[in-house]
Amino acid sequence: MAGEPQDDCLFCKIVAGTIPATIVRETDTTVAFRDINPQAPTHVLIIPKAHYENAAALAAADPALTADVVREAQAVADEEKLDSYRLVFNTGSGAGQTVWHVHGHVLGGRGLEWPPG
C-alpha cells in the first residue's frame, strides 16, 4: 500500500535503520543521506520516510510531503554551502530510476551542464 514501508525497499530499510547510510539531515517526514555513487562533489538523496514509488505518485498522494522533500533540498544546499544546485527526480526506468522509492538528488559543487543527458 502506498505510504507504507516495503520489506524489499532499500530506502525503507535506510529509514528503518537496518541498512546504514551517511545521513546528513533528518526531519519527522524526510531523511537526507549521501549517495554511495556520487555524480558531483555534493550528491545527497532526499527521501520521504513514507514509501511512494516515484515523484508523480508522491505528488498525487501527498502534496504536503512533496513540499517537505523539496524544502529539505534547500536545507541541504544551505548546509553544504552551495550557491547553486540541481534537484533531480528520476521517474521510471527510462529516466534512470533504479530504486522504486521516490528520491530527489541534490547535486552541486561543480558546473552542471545543460542538457544533462
N, C-alpha and C. Protein backbone atom coordinates (compact mmCIF):
# COMPACT_ATOMS: atom_id res chain seq x y z
N MET A 1 0.85 -1.18 0.00
CA MET A 1 0.00 0.00 0.00
C MET A 1 0.89 1.24 0.00
N ALA A 2 0.50 2.24 -0.77
CA ALA A 2 1.27 3.49 -0.86
C ALA A 2 1.43 4.11 0.52
N GLY A 3 2.63 4.60 0.77
CA GLY A 3 2.92 5.24 2.05
C GLY A 3 3.45 4.30 3.10
N GLU A 4 3.15 3.01 2.96
CA GLU A 4 3.57 2.01 3.95
C GLU A 4 4.97 1.48 3.61
N PRO A 5 5.80 1.21 4.62
CA PRO A 5 7.13 0.65 4.36
C PRO A 5 7.03 -0.66 3.58
N GLN A 6 7.97 -0.87 2.68
CA GLN A 6 8.03 -2.08 1.87
C GLN A 6 9.23 -2.90 2.31
N ASP A 7 9.02 -4.18 2.56
CA ASP A 7 10.08 -5.06 3.05
C ASP A 7 11.26 -5.18 2.10
N ASP A 8 10.99 -5.04 0.80
CA ASP A 8 12.05 -5.22 -0.19
C ASP A 8 12.65 -3.90 -0.69
N CYS A 9 12.38 -2.80 -0.02
CA CYS A 9 12.82 -1.48 -0.47
C CYS A 9 14.09 -1.04 0.28
N LEU A 10 15.14 -0.79 -0.47
CA LEU A 10 16.40 -0.32 0.09
C LEU A 10 16.21 0.94 0.93
N PHE A 11 15.48 1.91 0.40
CA PHE A 11 15.34 3.18 1.12
C PHE A 11 14.44 3.05 2.34
N CYS A 12 13.45 2.18 2.30
CA CYS A 12 12.65 1.92 3.51
C CYS A 12 13.54 1.33 4.60
N LYS A 13 14.50 0.50 4.21
CA LYS A 13 15.43 -0.08 5.18
C LYS A 13 16.37 0.98 5.74
N ILE A 14 16.75 1.97 4.94
CA ILE A 14 17.56 3.08 5.46
C ILE A 14 16.74 3.87 6.47
N VAL A 15 15.48 4.16 6.13
CA VAL A 15 14.59 4.87 7.06
C VAL A 15 14.48 4.11 8.38
N ALA A 16 14.35 2.79 8.30
CA ALA A 16 14.20 1.95 9.49
C ALA A 16 15.50 1.78 10.27
N GLY A 17 16.62 2.12 9.64
CA GLY A 17 17.91 1.98 10.31
C GLY A 17 18.52 0.60 10.18
N THR A 18 17.96 -0.26 9.34
CA THR A 18 18.51 -1.61 9.18
C THR A 18 19.60 -1.68 8.13
N ILE A 19 19.70 -0.66 7.29
CA ILE A 19 20.81 -0.51 6.34
C ILE A 19 21.45 0.83 6.64
N PRO A 20 22.77 0.86 6.81
CA PRO A 20 23.44 2.11 7.16
C PRO A 20 23.50 3.08 5.98
N ALA A 21 23.53 4.35 6.30
CA ALA A 21 23.70 5.41 5.32
C ALA A 21 24.37 6.58 6.03
N THR A 22 25.03 7.43 5.28
CA THR A 22 25.62 8.64 5.84
C THR A 22 24.55 9.72 5.81
N ILE A 23 23.82 9.81 6.90
CA ILE A 23 22.69 10.73 7.00
C ILE A 23 23.21 12.13 7.31
N VAL A 24 22.74 13.11 6.52
CA VAL A 24 23.16 14.50 6.73
C VAL A 24 22.06 15.34 7.35
N ARG A 25 20.80 14.94 7.17
CA ARG A 25 19.66 15.63 7.79
C ARG A 25 18.53 14.62 7.97
N GLU A 26 17.73 14.88 8.99
CA GLU A 26 16.53 14.07 9.20
C GLU A 26 15.47 14.94 9.84
N THR A 27 14.25 14.82 9.35
CA THR A 27 13.11 15.50 9.94
C THR A 27 12.08 14.44 10.31
N ASP A 28 10.93 14.87 10.77
CA ASP A 28 9.86 13.93 11.08
C ASP A 28 9.38 13.18 9.83
N THR A 29 9.55 13.81 8.66
CA THR A 29 8.98 13.23 7.44
C THR A 29 10.00 12.84 6.38
N THR A 30 11.27 13.26 6.54
CA THR A 30 12.26 13.01 5.49
C THR A 30 13.60 12.57 6.07
N VAL A 31 14.41 11.96 5.19
CA VAL A 31 15.79 11.62 5.51
C VAL A 31 16.64 12.04 4.31
N ALA A 32 17.77 12.67 4.59
CA ALA A 32 18.72 13.05 3.54
C ALA A 32 20.05 12.37 3.84
N PHE A 33 20.60 11.73 2.81
CA PHE A 33 21.86 10.99 3.01
C PHE A 33 22.70 11.05 1.75
N ARG A 34 24.00 10.84 1.92
CA ARG A 34 24.95 10.92 0.80
C ARG A 34 24.76 9.73 -0.14
N ASP A 35 24.81 10.02 -1.43
CA ASP A 35 24.71 8.98 -2.45
C ASP A 35 25.98 8.14 -2.41
N ILE A 36 25.85 6.82 -2.54
CA ILE A 36 27.04 5.95 -2.49
C ILE A 36 27.82 5.97 -3.80
N ASN A 37 27.24 6.55 -4.86
CA ASN A 37 27.92 6.68 -6.14
C ASN A 37 27.78 8.13 -6.61
N PRO A 38 28.46 9.06 -5.93
CA PRO A 38 28.23 10.48 -6.21
C PRO A 38 28.62 10.90 -7.62
N GLN A 39 27.78 11.75 -8.19
CA GLN A 39 27.99 12.28 -9.53
C GLN A 39 28.44 13.74 -9.50
N ALA A 40 28.66 14.27 -8.32
CA ALA A 40 29.13 15.65 -8.12
C ALA A 40 29.76 15.70 -6.73
N PRO A 41 30.55 16.73 -6.46
CA PRO A 41 31.15 16.84 -5.12
C PRO A 41 30.11 16.77 -3.99
N THR A 42 28.95 17.38 -4.21
CA THR A 42 27.82 17.20 -3.30
C THR A 42 26.77 16.41 -4.05
N HIS A 43 26.41 15.25 -3.51
CA HIS A 43 25.34 14.43 -4.08
C HIS A 43 24.62 13.78 -2.91
N VAL A 44 23.51 14.38 -2.56
CA VAL A 44 22.71 13.94 -1.41
C VAL A 44 21.33 13.54 -1.92
N LEU A 45 20.83 12.42 -1.42
CA LEU A 45 19.48 11.97 -1.73
C LEU A 45 18.54 12.40 -0.61
N ILE A 46 17.38 12.87 -0.99
CA ILE A 46 16.35 13.23 -0.02
C ILE A 46 15.15 12.35 -0.30
N ILE A 47 14.71 11.64 0.73
CA ILE A 47 13.57 10.74 0.57
C ILE A 47 12.52 11.04 1.63
N PRO A 48 11.26 10.81 1.28
CA PRO A 48 10.24 10.83 2.34
C PRO A 48 10.35 9.54 3.14
N LYS A 49 10.03 9.60 4.39
CA LYS A 49 10.03 8.38 5.20
C LYS A 49 8.92 7.43 4.76
N ALA A 50 7.83 7.98 4.25
CA ALA A 50 6.74 7.16 3.71
C ALA A 50 7.13 6.68 2.32
N HIS A 51 6.74 5.47 1.98
CA HIS A 51 7.10 4.88 0.70
C HIS A 51 6.11 5.26 -0.38
N TYR A 52 6.64 5.92 -1.41
CA TYR A 52 5.92 6.18 -2.65
C TYR A 52 6.87 5.82 -3.78
N GLU A 53 6.37 5.22 -4.84
CA GLU A 53 7.23 4.69 -5.90
C GLU A 53 8.03 5.75 -6.63
N ASN A 54 7.41 6.89 -6.90
CA ASN A 54 8.10 7.92 -7.67
C ASN A 54 7.51 9.29 -7.36
N ALA A 55 8.09 10.31 -7.99
CA ALA A 55 7.68 11.69 -7.70
C ALA A 55 6.22 11.94 -8.07
N ALA A 56 5.77 11.36 -9.18
CA ALA A 56 4.39 11.55 -9.58
C ALA A 56 3.41 10.95 -8.56
N ALA A 57 3.72 9.77 -8.08
CA ALA A 57 2.85 9.12 -7.08
C ALA A 57 2.83 9.92 -5.78
N LEU A 58 3.99 10.41 -5.37
CA LEU A 58 4.06 11.22 -4.14
C LEU A 58 3.26 12.50 -4.29
N ALA A 59 3.46 13.21 -5.40
CA ALA A 59 2.76 14.48 -5.61
C ALA A 59 1.25 14.29 -5.63
N ALA A 60 0.78 13.20 -6.24
CA ALA A 60 -0.65 12.95 -6.32
C ALA A 60 -1.24 12.58 -4.96
N ALA A 61 -0.48 11.83 -4.17
CA ALA A 61 -1.00 11.33 -2.90
C ALA A 61 -0.82 12.29 -1.73
N ASP A 62 0.28 13.05 -1.73
CA ASP A 62 0.60 13.84 -0.54
C ASP A 62 1.40 15.10 -0.92
N PRO A 63 0.71 16.14 -1.40
CA PRO A 63 1.41 17.37 -1.79
C PRO A 63 2.22 17.99 -0.65
N ALA A 64 1.75 17.88 0.58
CA ALA A 64 2.49 18.47 1.70
C ALA A 64 3.82 17.74 1.91
N LEU A 65 3.82 16.43 1.77
CA LEU A 65 5.06 15.67 1.90
C LEU A 65 5.99 15.97 0.74
N THR A 66 5.43 16.17 -0.45
CA THR A 66 6.24 16.58 -1.60
C THR A 66 6.96 17.89 -1.28
N ALA A 67 6.24 18.83 -0.70
CA ALA A 67 6.84 20.11 -0.32
C ALA A 67 7.93 19.91 0.73
N ASP A 68 7.74 19.00 1.66
CA ASP A 68 8.78 18.72 2.67
C ASP A 68 10.07 18.26 2.01
N VAL A 69 9.96 17.38 1.02
CA VAL A 69 11.14 16.87 0.33
C VAL A 69 11.87 18.01 -0.37
N VAL A 70 11.13 18.85 -1.08
CA VAL A 70 11.74 19.96 -1.81
C VAL A 70 12.34 20.98 -0.83
N ARG A 71 11.66 21.24 0.27
CA ARG A 71 12.18 22.17 1.28
C ARG A 71 13.49 21.64 1.87
N GLU A 72 13.57 20.36 2.07
CA GLU A 72 14.81 19.77 2.60
C GLU A 72 15.96 19.88 1.60
N ALA A 73 15.65 19.89 0.32
CA ALA A 73 16.70 20.10 -0.69
C ALA A 73 17.39 21.44 -0.45
N GLN A 74 16.61 22.47 -0.20
CA GLN A 74 17.20 23.78 0.08
C GLN A 74 17.99 23.76 1.39
N ALA A 75 17.49 23.07 2.40
CA ALA A 75 18.20 22.98 3.67
C ALA A 75 19.54 22.27 3.49
N VAL A 76 19.56 21.21 2.70
CA VAL A 76 20.82 20.52 2.41
C VAL A 76 21.76 21.45 1.67
N ALA A 77 21.26 22.15 0.65
CA ALA A 77 22.10 23.09 -0.10
C ALA A 77 22.68 24.16 0.81
N ASP A 78 21.87 24.66 1.73
CA ASP A 78 22.37 25.67 2.67
C ASP A 78 23.48 25.10 3.55
N GLU A 79 23.26 23.91 4.10
CA GLU A 79 24.27 23.29 4.96
C GLU A 79 25.55 22.95 4.21
N GLU A 80 25.42 22.60 2.94
CA GLU A 80 26.58 22.26 2.11
C GLU A 80 27.23 23.50 1.51
N LYS A 81 26.64 24.67 1.78
CA LYS A 81 27.14 25.96 1.29
C LYS A 81 27.19 26.01 -0.24
N LEU A 82 26.12 25.52 -0.86
CA LEU A 82 26.01 25.54 -2.31
C LEU A 82 25.35 26.83 -2.76
N ASP A 83 26.02 27.56 -3.64
CA ASP A 83 25.41 28.77 -4.22
C ASP A 83 24.33 28.40 -5.22
N SER A 84 24.52 27.28 -5.89
CA SER A 84 23.53 26.77 -6.82
C SER A 84 23.58 25.25 -6.77
N TYR A 85 22.50 24.63 -7.18
CA TYR A 85 22.43 23.17 -7.16
C TYR A 85 21.35 22.72 -8.13
N ARG A 86 21.37 21.44 -8.42
CA ARG A 86 20.33 20.84 -9.24
C ARG A 86 19.57 19.85 -8.37
N LEU A 87 18.26 19.87 -8.48
CA LEU A 87 17.40 18.91 -7.80
C LEU A 87 16.74 18.05 -8.88
N VAL A 88 17.01 16.74 -8.85
CA VAL A 88 16.55 15.83 -9.89
C VAL A 88 15.71 14.72 -9.27
N PHE A 89 14.56 14.46 -9.88
CA PHE A 89 13.73 13.30 -9.55
C PHE A 89 13.63 12.45 -10.81
N ASN A 90 14.23 11.28 -10.81
CA ASN A 90 14.08 10.34 -11.92
C ASN A 90 12.80 9.55 -11.70
N THR A 91 11.94 9.55 -12.69
CA THR A 91 10.67 8.85 -12.58
C THR A 91 10.57 7.84 -13.72
N GLY A 92 10.73 6.57 -13.38
CA GLY A 92 10.67 5.49 -14.36
C GLY A 92 12.05 5.04 -14.79
N SER A 93 12.14 3.79 -15.21
CA SER A 93 13.43 3.22 -15.57
C SER A 93 14.05 3.92 -16.77
N GLY A 94 13.25 4.40 -17.71
CA GLY A 94 13.78 5.12 -18.86
C GLY A 94 14.45 6.43 -18.50
N ALA A 95 14.12 6.96 -17.33
CA ALA A 95 14.72 8.20 -16.84
C ALA A 95 15.87 7.93 -15.88
N GLY A 96 16.16 6.65 -15.63
CA GLY A 96 17.28 6.31 -14.76
C GLY A 96 16.90 5.94 -13.34
N GLN A 97 15.61 5.82 -13.03
CA GLN A 97 15.23 5.43 -11.67
C GLN A 97 15.58 3.96 -11.47
N THR A 98 16.33 3.68 -10.41
CA THR A 98 16.72 2.30 -10.11
C THR A 98 16.23 1.82 -8.75
N VAL A 99 15.86 2.74 -7.88
CA VAL A 99 15.26 2.40 -6.59
C VAL A 99 13.84 2.94 -6.63
N TRP A 100 12.88 2.07 -6.36
CA TRP A 100 11.46 2.42 -6.53
C TRP A 100 10.86 2.98 -5.25
N HIS A 101 11.57 3.97 -4.69
CA HIS A 101 11.13 4.80 -3.56
C HIS A 101 11.54 6.20 -3.97
N VAL A 102 10.58 7.09 -4.09
CA VAL A 102 10.89 8.43 -4.59
C VAL A 102 12.08 9.05 -3.86
N HIS A 103 12.94 9.68 -4.62
CA HIS A 103 14.10 10.36 -4.03
C HIS A 103 14.54 11.49 -4.94
N GLY A 104 14.87 12.59 -4.30
CA GLY A 104 15.42 13.73 -5.01
C GLY A 104 16.92 13.74 -4.85
N HIS A 105 17.63 13.98 -5.94
CA HIS A 105 19.08 14.10 -5.92
C HIS A 105 19.44 15.58 -5.83
N VAL A 106 20.16 15.97 -4.80
CA VAL A 106 20.72 17.32 -4.72
C VAL A 106 22.16 17.21 -5.21
N LEU A 107 22.43 17.86 -6.35
CA LEU A 107 23.75 17.81 -6.97
C LEU A 107 24.33 19.22 -7.01
N GLY A 108 25.59 19.35 -6.58
CA GLY A 108 26.22 20.66 -6.63
C GLY A 108 27.71 20.56 -6.37
N GLY A 109 28.35 21.71 -6.35
CA GLY A 109 29.77 21.75 -6.07
C GLY A 109 30.63 21.70 -7.33
N ARG A 110 30.01 21.69 -8.49
CA ARG A 110 30.70 21.75 -9.79
C ARG A 110 29.73 22.31 -10.80
N GLY A 111 30.23 22.71 -11.96
CA GLY A 111 29.38 23.16 -13.02
C GLY A 111 28.49 22.02 -13.50
N LEU A 112 27.24 22.30 -13.75
CA LEU A 112 26.29 21.31 -14.24
C LEU A 112 25.78 21.77 -15.59
N GLU A 113 26.17 21.09 -16.63
CA GLU A 113 25.83 21.45 -17.99
C GLU A 113 24.36 21.17 -18.30
N TRP A 114 23.87 21.82 -19.35
CA TRP A 114 22.52 21.57 -19.82
C TRP A 114 22.59 21.39 -21.32
N PRO A 115 21.94 20.41 -21.91
CA PRO A 115 21.08 19.44 -21.24
C PRO A 115 21.90 18.40 -20.49
N PRO A 116 21.28 17.80 -19.46
CA PRO A 116 22.02 16.89 -18.59
C PRO A 116 22.32 15.54 -19.23
N GLY A 117 21.51 15.07 -20.17
CA GLY A 117 21.65 13.71 -20.70
C GLY A 117 22.72 13.61 -21.73
